[in-house]
C-alpha atoms as a PDB file:
ATOM      1  CA  MET A   1    -168.013 181.557 -69.400  1.00  0.00           C
ATOM      2  CA  SER A   2    -169.314 182.753 -72.778  1.00  0.00           C
ATOM      3  CA  GLU A   3    -169.015 186.392 -71.758  1.00  0.00           C
ATOM      4  CA  GLU A   4    -165.408 185.853 -70.638  1.00  0.00           C
ATOM      5  CA  PHE A   5    -164.600 184.087 -73.903  1.00  0.00           C
ATOM      6  CA  ASP A   6    -166.126 186.894 -75.971  1.00  0.00           C
ATOM      7  CA  LYS A   7    -164.129 189.481 -74.021  1.00  0.00           C
ATOM      8  CA  ALA A   8    -160.892 187.529 -74.462  1.00  0.00           C
ATOM      9  CA  MET A   9    -161.526 187.211 -78.229  1.00  0.00           C
ATOM     10  CA  GLU A  10    -162.238 190.924 -78.521  1.00  0.00           C
ATOM     11  CA  GLU A  11    -158.999 191.755 -76.682  1.00  0.00           C
ATOM     12  CA  LEU A  12    -157.062 189.343 -78.898  1.00  0.00           C
ATOM     13  CA  GLN A  13    -158.502 190.879 -82.074  1.00  0.00           C
ATOM     14  CA  THR A  14    -157.706 194.391 -80.835  1.00  0.00           C
ATOM     15  CA  SER A  15    -154.130 193.302 -80.100  1.00  0.00           C
ATOM     16  CA  ILE A  16    -153.706 191.707 -83.557  1.00  0.00           C
ATOM     17  CA  ILE A  17    -154.966 194.823 -85.314  1.00  0.00           C
ATOM     18  CA  ALA A  18    -152.726 197.058 -83.172  1.00  0.00           C
ATOM     19  CA  ASP A  19    -149.708 194.921 -84.132  1.00  0.00           C
ATOM     20  CA  ALA A  20    -150.740 195.023 -87.815  1.00  0.00           C
ATOM     21  CA  ARG A  21    -150.872 198.839 -87.706  1.00  0.00           C
ATOM     22  CA  LYS A  22    -147.167 198.839 -86.823  1.00  0.00           C
ATOM     23  CA  VAL A  23    -146.380 197.057 -90.107  1.00  0.00           C
ATOM     24  CA  TYR A  24    -149.142 197.855 -92.623  1.00  0.00           C
ATOM     25  CA  SER A  25    -150.766 201.043 -93.908  1.00  0.00           C
ATOM     26  CA  GLU A  26    -154.351 201.876 -92.987  1.00  0.00           C
ATOM     27  CA  GLU A  27    -155.324 201.153 -96.605  1.00  0.00           C
ATOM     28  CA  VAL A  28    -154.004 197.580 -96.319  1.00  0.00           C
ATOM     29  CA  ILE A  29    -155.684 197.027 -92.959  1.00  0.00           C
ATOM     30  CA  ASN A  30    -159.026 198.418 -94.173  1.00  0.00           C
ATOM     31  CA  ARG A  31    -158.993 196.211 -97.283  1.00  0.00           C
ATOM     32  CA  TRP A  32    -157.971 193.193 -95.229  1.00  0.00           C
ATOM     33  CA  LEU A  33    -160.789 193.682 -92.717  1.00  0.00           C
ATOM     34  CA  LYS A  34    -163.429 194.975 -95.176  1.00  0.00           C
ATOM     35  CA  PRO A  35    -162.346 193.981 -98.681  1.00  0.00           C
ATOM     36  CA  LYS A  36    -164.111 195.488-101.691  1.00  0.00           C
ATOM     37  CA  TYR A  37    -165.004 193.627-104.895  1.00  0.00           C
ATOM     38  CA  VAL A  38    -165.003 190.149-103.348  1.00  0.00           C
ATOM     39  CA  GLY A  39    -167.018 187.431-105.009  1.00  0.00           C
ATOM     40  CA  GLU A  40    -167.434 185.218-107.998  1.00  0.00           C
ATOM     41  CA  MET A  41    -169.010 186.522-111.182  1.00  0.00           C
ATOM     42  CA  GLU A  42    -171.227 184.404-113.421  1.00  0.00           C
ATOM     43  CA  ASN A  43    -170.235 184.327-117.086  1.00  0.00           C
ATOM     44  CA  PRO A  44    -167.357 186.809-116.887  1.00  0.00           C
ATOM     45  CA  GLN A  45    -165.909 188.100-120.136  1.00  0.00           C
ATOM     46  CA  GLY A  46    -162.439 187.667-118.653  1.00  0.00           C
ATOM     47  CA  TYR A  47    -161.229 185.223-116.016  1.00  0.00           C
ATOM     48  CA  GLY A  48    -157.801 184.628-114.517  1.00  0.00           C
ATOM     49  CA  LYS A  49    -156.526 182.246-111.871  1.00  0.00           C
ATOM     50  CA  VAL A  50    -152.933 182.324-110.662  1.00  0.00           C
ATOM     51  CA  THR A  51    -151.228 180.591-107.750  1.00  0.00           C
ATOM     52  CA  GLY A  52    -148.204 182.401-106.377  1.00  0.00           C
ATOM     53  CA  PRO A  53    -144.978 180.891-105.026  1.00  0.00           C
ATOM     54  CA  CYS A  54    -146.370 181.281-101.483  1.00  0.00           C
ATOM     55  CA  GLY A  55    -149.297 178.979-102.318  1.00  0.00           C
ATOM     56  CA  ASP A  56    -151.958 181.713-102.342  1.00  0.00           C
ATOM     57  CA  THR A  57    -154.353 181.594-105.289  1.00  0.00           C
ATOM     58  CA  VAL A  58    -156.178 184.609-106.702  1.00  0.00           C
ATOM     59  CA  ASN A  59    -159.120 184.450-109.118  1.00  0.00           C
ATOM     60  CA  ILE A  60    -160.193 187.613-110.962  1.00  0.00           C
ATOM     61  CA  PHE A  61    -163.440 187.946-112.922  1.00  0.00           C
ATOM     62  CA  LEU A  62    -164.039 190.816-115.360  1.00  0.00           C
ATOM     63  CA  ARG A  63    -167.155 192.256-116.967  1.00  0.00           C
ATOM     64  CA  ILE A  64    -166.220 194.304-120.024  1.00  0.00           C
ATOM     65  CA  ASP A  65    -168.407 196.438-122.277  1.00  0.00           C
ATOM     66  CA  ASN A  66    -167.141 198.403-125.282  1.00  0.00           C
ATOM     67  CA  ASP A  67    -163.545 197.622-124.280  1.00  0.00           C
ATOM     68  CA  LYS A  68    -164.123 199.177-120.801  1.00  0.00           C
ATOM     69  CA  ILE A  69    -164.013 197.204-117.576  1.00  0.00           C
ATOM     70  CA  ILE A  70    -167.367 197.833-115.938  1.00  0.00           C
ATOM     71  CA  ASP A  71    -166.996 195.362-113.069  1.00  0.00           C
ATOM     72  CA  ALA A  72    -164.241 193.289-111.474  1.00  0.00           C
ATOM     73  CA  ARG A  73    -164.404 190.737-108.669  1.00  0.00           C
ATOM     74  CA  PHE A  74    -161.839 188.556-106.956  1.00  0.00           C
ATOM     75  CA  LEU A  75    -161.599 185.512-104.726  1.00  0.00           C
ATOM     76  CA  THR A  76    -158.554 184.300-102.845  1.00  0.00           C
ATOM     77  CA  ASP A  77    -157.547 181.705-100.314  1.00  0.00           C
ATOM     78  CA  GLY A  78    -154.671 183.948 -99.318  1.00  0.00           C
ATOM     79  CA  CYS A  79    -153.546 186.084 -96.423  1.00  0.00           C
ATOM     80  CA  GLY A  80    -154.575 189.635 -95.531  1.00  0.00           C
ATOM     81  CA  THR A  81    -152.062 191.256 -97.872  1.00  0.00           C
ATOM     82  CA  THR A  82    -153.234 189.099-100.782  1.00  0.00           C
ATOM     83  CA  ILE A  83    -156.820 190.128 -99.994  1.00  0.00           C
ATOM     84  CA  ALA A  84    -155.803 193.799 -99.954  1.00  0.00           C
ATOM     85  CA  ALA A  85    -153.871 193.484-103.232  1.00  0.00           C
ATOM     86  CA  GLY A  86    -156.716 191.644-105.000  1.00  0.00           C
ATOM     87  CA  SER A  87    -159.200 194.244-103.840  1.00  0.00           C
ATOM     88  CA  MET A  88    -156.967 197.079-105.052  1.00  0.00           C
ATOM     89  CA  ALA A  89    -156.322 195.428-108.436  1.00  0.00           C
ATOM     90  CA  CYS A  90    -160.079 195.205-109.048  1.00  0.00           C
ATOM     91  CA  GLU A  91    -160.699 198.780-107.953  1.00  0.00           C
ATOM     92  CA  LEU A  92    -157.939 200.092-110.202  1.00  0.00           C
ATOM     93  CA  ALA A  93    -159.245 198.101-113.208  1.00  0.00           C
ATOM     94  CA  ILE A  94    -162.866 199.271-113.040  1.00  0.00           C
ATOM     95  CA  GLY A  95    -163.486 202.120-115.469  1.00  0.00           C
ATOM     96  CA  LYS A  96    -160.305 201.518-117.439  1.00  0.00           C
ATOM     97  CA  THR A  97    -159.969 200.222-120.983  1.00  0.00           C
ATOM     98  CA  VAL A  98    -158.380 196.822-121.460  1.00  0.00           C
ATOM     99  CA  ARG A  99    -155.199 198.504-122.694  1.00  0.00           C
ATOM    100  CA  GLU A 100    -155.066 200.801-119.645  1.00  0.00           C
ATOM    101  CA  ALA A 101    -155.688 197.890-117.267  1.00  0.00           C
ATOM    102  CA  PHE A 102    -152.643 196.050-118.626  1.00  0.00           C
ATOM    103  CA  LYS A 103    -150.595 198.899-117.097  1.00  0.00           C
ATOM    104  CA  ILE A 104    -151.708 197.992-113.547  1.00  0.00           C
ATOM    105  CA  THR A 105    -148.458 196.548-112.262  1.00  0.00           C
ATOM    106  CA  LYS A 106    -147.189 195.358-108.919  1.00  0.00           C
ATOM    107  CA  GLU A 107    -145.700 198.834-108.380  1.00  0.00           C
ATOM    108  CA  VAL A 108    -149.008 200.578-109.100  1.00  0.00           C
ATOM    109  CA  ILE A 109    -150.843 198.318-106.625  1.00  0.00           C
ATOM    110  CA  LEU A 110    -148.126 198.789-103.984  1.00  0.00           C
ATOM    111  CA  GLY A 111    -148.303 202.564-104.428  1.00  0.00           C
ATOM    112  CA  GLN A 112    -152.064 202.636-103.961  1.00  0.00           C
ATOM    113  CA  LEU A 113    -151.847 200.387-100.900  1.00  0.00           C
ATOM    114  CA  GLY A 114    -149.217 202.612 -99.293  1.00  0.00           C
ATOM    115  CA  GLY A 115    -146.578 199.899 -99.673  1.00  0.00           C
ATOM    116  CA  LEU A 116    -146.089 196.469 -98.154  1.00  0.00           C
ATOM    117  CA  PRO A 117    -143.209 194.923 -96.222  1.00  0.00           C
ATOM    118  CA  GLU A 118    -140.627 193.330 -98.549  1.00  0.00           C
ATOM    119  CA  GLU A 119    -141.753 189.808 -97.644  1.00  0.00           C
ATOM    120  CA  SER A 120    -145.314 190.651 -98.764  1.00  0.00           C
ATOM    121  CA  THR A 121    -144.695 192.502-102.044  1.00  0.00           C
ATOM    122  CA  HIS A 122    -145.246 189.258-103.959  1.00  0.00           C
ATOM    123  CA  CYS A 123    -148.951 189.600-103.075  1.00  0.00           C
ATOM    124  CA  ALA A 124    -149.191 192.706-105.282  1.00  0.00           C
ATOM    125  CA  LEU A 125    -147.375 190.830-108.062  1.00  0.00           C
ATOM    126  CA  LEU A 126    -149.824 187.939-107.716  1.00  0.00           C
ATOM    127  CA  ALA A 127    -152.791 190.310-108.021  1.00  0.00           C
ATOM    128  CA  SER A 128    -151.355 192.105-111.073  1.00  0.00           C
ATOM    129  CA  ASN A 129    -150.441 188.808-112.763  1.00  0.00           C
ATOM    130  CA  THR A 130    -153.959 187.482-112.183  1.00  0.00           C
ATOM    131  CA  LEU A 131    -155.478 190.657-113.614  1.00  0.00           C
ATOM    132  CA  ARG A 132    -153.284 190.261-116.716  1.00  0.00           C
ATOM    133  CA  GLU A 133    -154.403 186.641-117.014  1.00  0.00           C
ATOM    134  CA  ALA A 134    -158.063 187.745-116.922  1.00  0.00           C
ATOM    135  CA  LEU A 135    -157.406 190.463-119.516  1.00  0.00           C
ATOM    136  CA  THR A 136    -155.603 187.981-121.772  1.00  0.00           C
ATOM    137  CA  ASP A 137    -158.500 185.541-121.388  1.00  0.00           C
ATOM    138  CA  TYR A 138    -160.899 188.300-122.465  1.00  0.00           C
ATOM    139  CA  LEU A 139    -158.831 189.121-125.553  1.00  0.00           C
ATOM    140  CA  SER A 140    -158.515 185.428-126.495  1.00  0.00           C
ATOM    141  CA  SER A 141    -162.236 184.821-126.052  1.00  0.00           C
ATOM    142  CA  ARG A 142    -163.119 187.940-128.011  1.00  0.00           C
ATOM    143  CA  ASN A 143    -161.016 186.721-130.923  1.00  0.00           C
ATOM    144  CA  GLU A 144    -162.190 183.107-130.601  1.00  0.00           C
ATOM    145  CA  PRO A 145    -165.635 183.143-128.908  1.00  0.00           C
ATOM    146  CA  TRP A 146    -166.050 179.385-129.246  1.00  0.00           C
ATOM    147  CA  ARG A 147    -163.364 178.925-126.526  1.00  0.00           C
ATOM    148  CA  LYS A 148    -165.771 180.113-123.798  1.00  0.00           C
ATOM    149  CA  LEU A 149    -168.115 177.238-124.600  1.00  0.00           C
ATOM    150  CA  TYR A 150    -165.508 174.720-123.533  1.00  0.00           C
ATOM    151  CA  LYS A 151    -163.746 176.540-120.742  1.00  0.00           C
ATOM    152  CA  LYS A 152    -164.430 175.644-117.123  1.00  0.00           C
ATOM    153  CA  HIS A 153    -163.226 177.771-114.213  1.00  0.00           C
END
């Protein structure tokens, strides 16, 4: 019974991925199945949390040194396209200055992902908005360091 179940699950997964390949780019599928930069970060210099109109929430954590983003992580309770967009937003931010990272828009994320179906483009907007929130948090905390003492994620 267990062997039959395992085989049926494997066939189902193969079928789901084959159907996804008809709609999504390989970049989206790879980031959905094996996302990069996932995880929470302790004591980030910048933190953003945004919930999109679809109900998905993205959290982005930034580590910044000398105005350069040296690490970025994300968490989401969202779908595969939200996972892919969050992963791409973090990858694009790492190595950039804060000013450069503010230029990572929905369009930039969509371009790097190879596009998304119209009904999923809001996932890229959610990721870019969350990144901006984390960058804004960093700038606010840098100007008023006492705020970090009272802020809870």
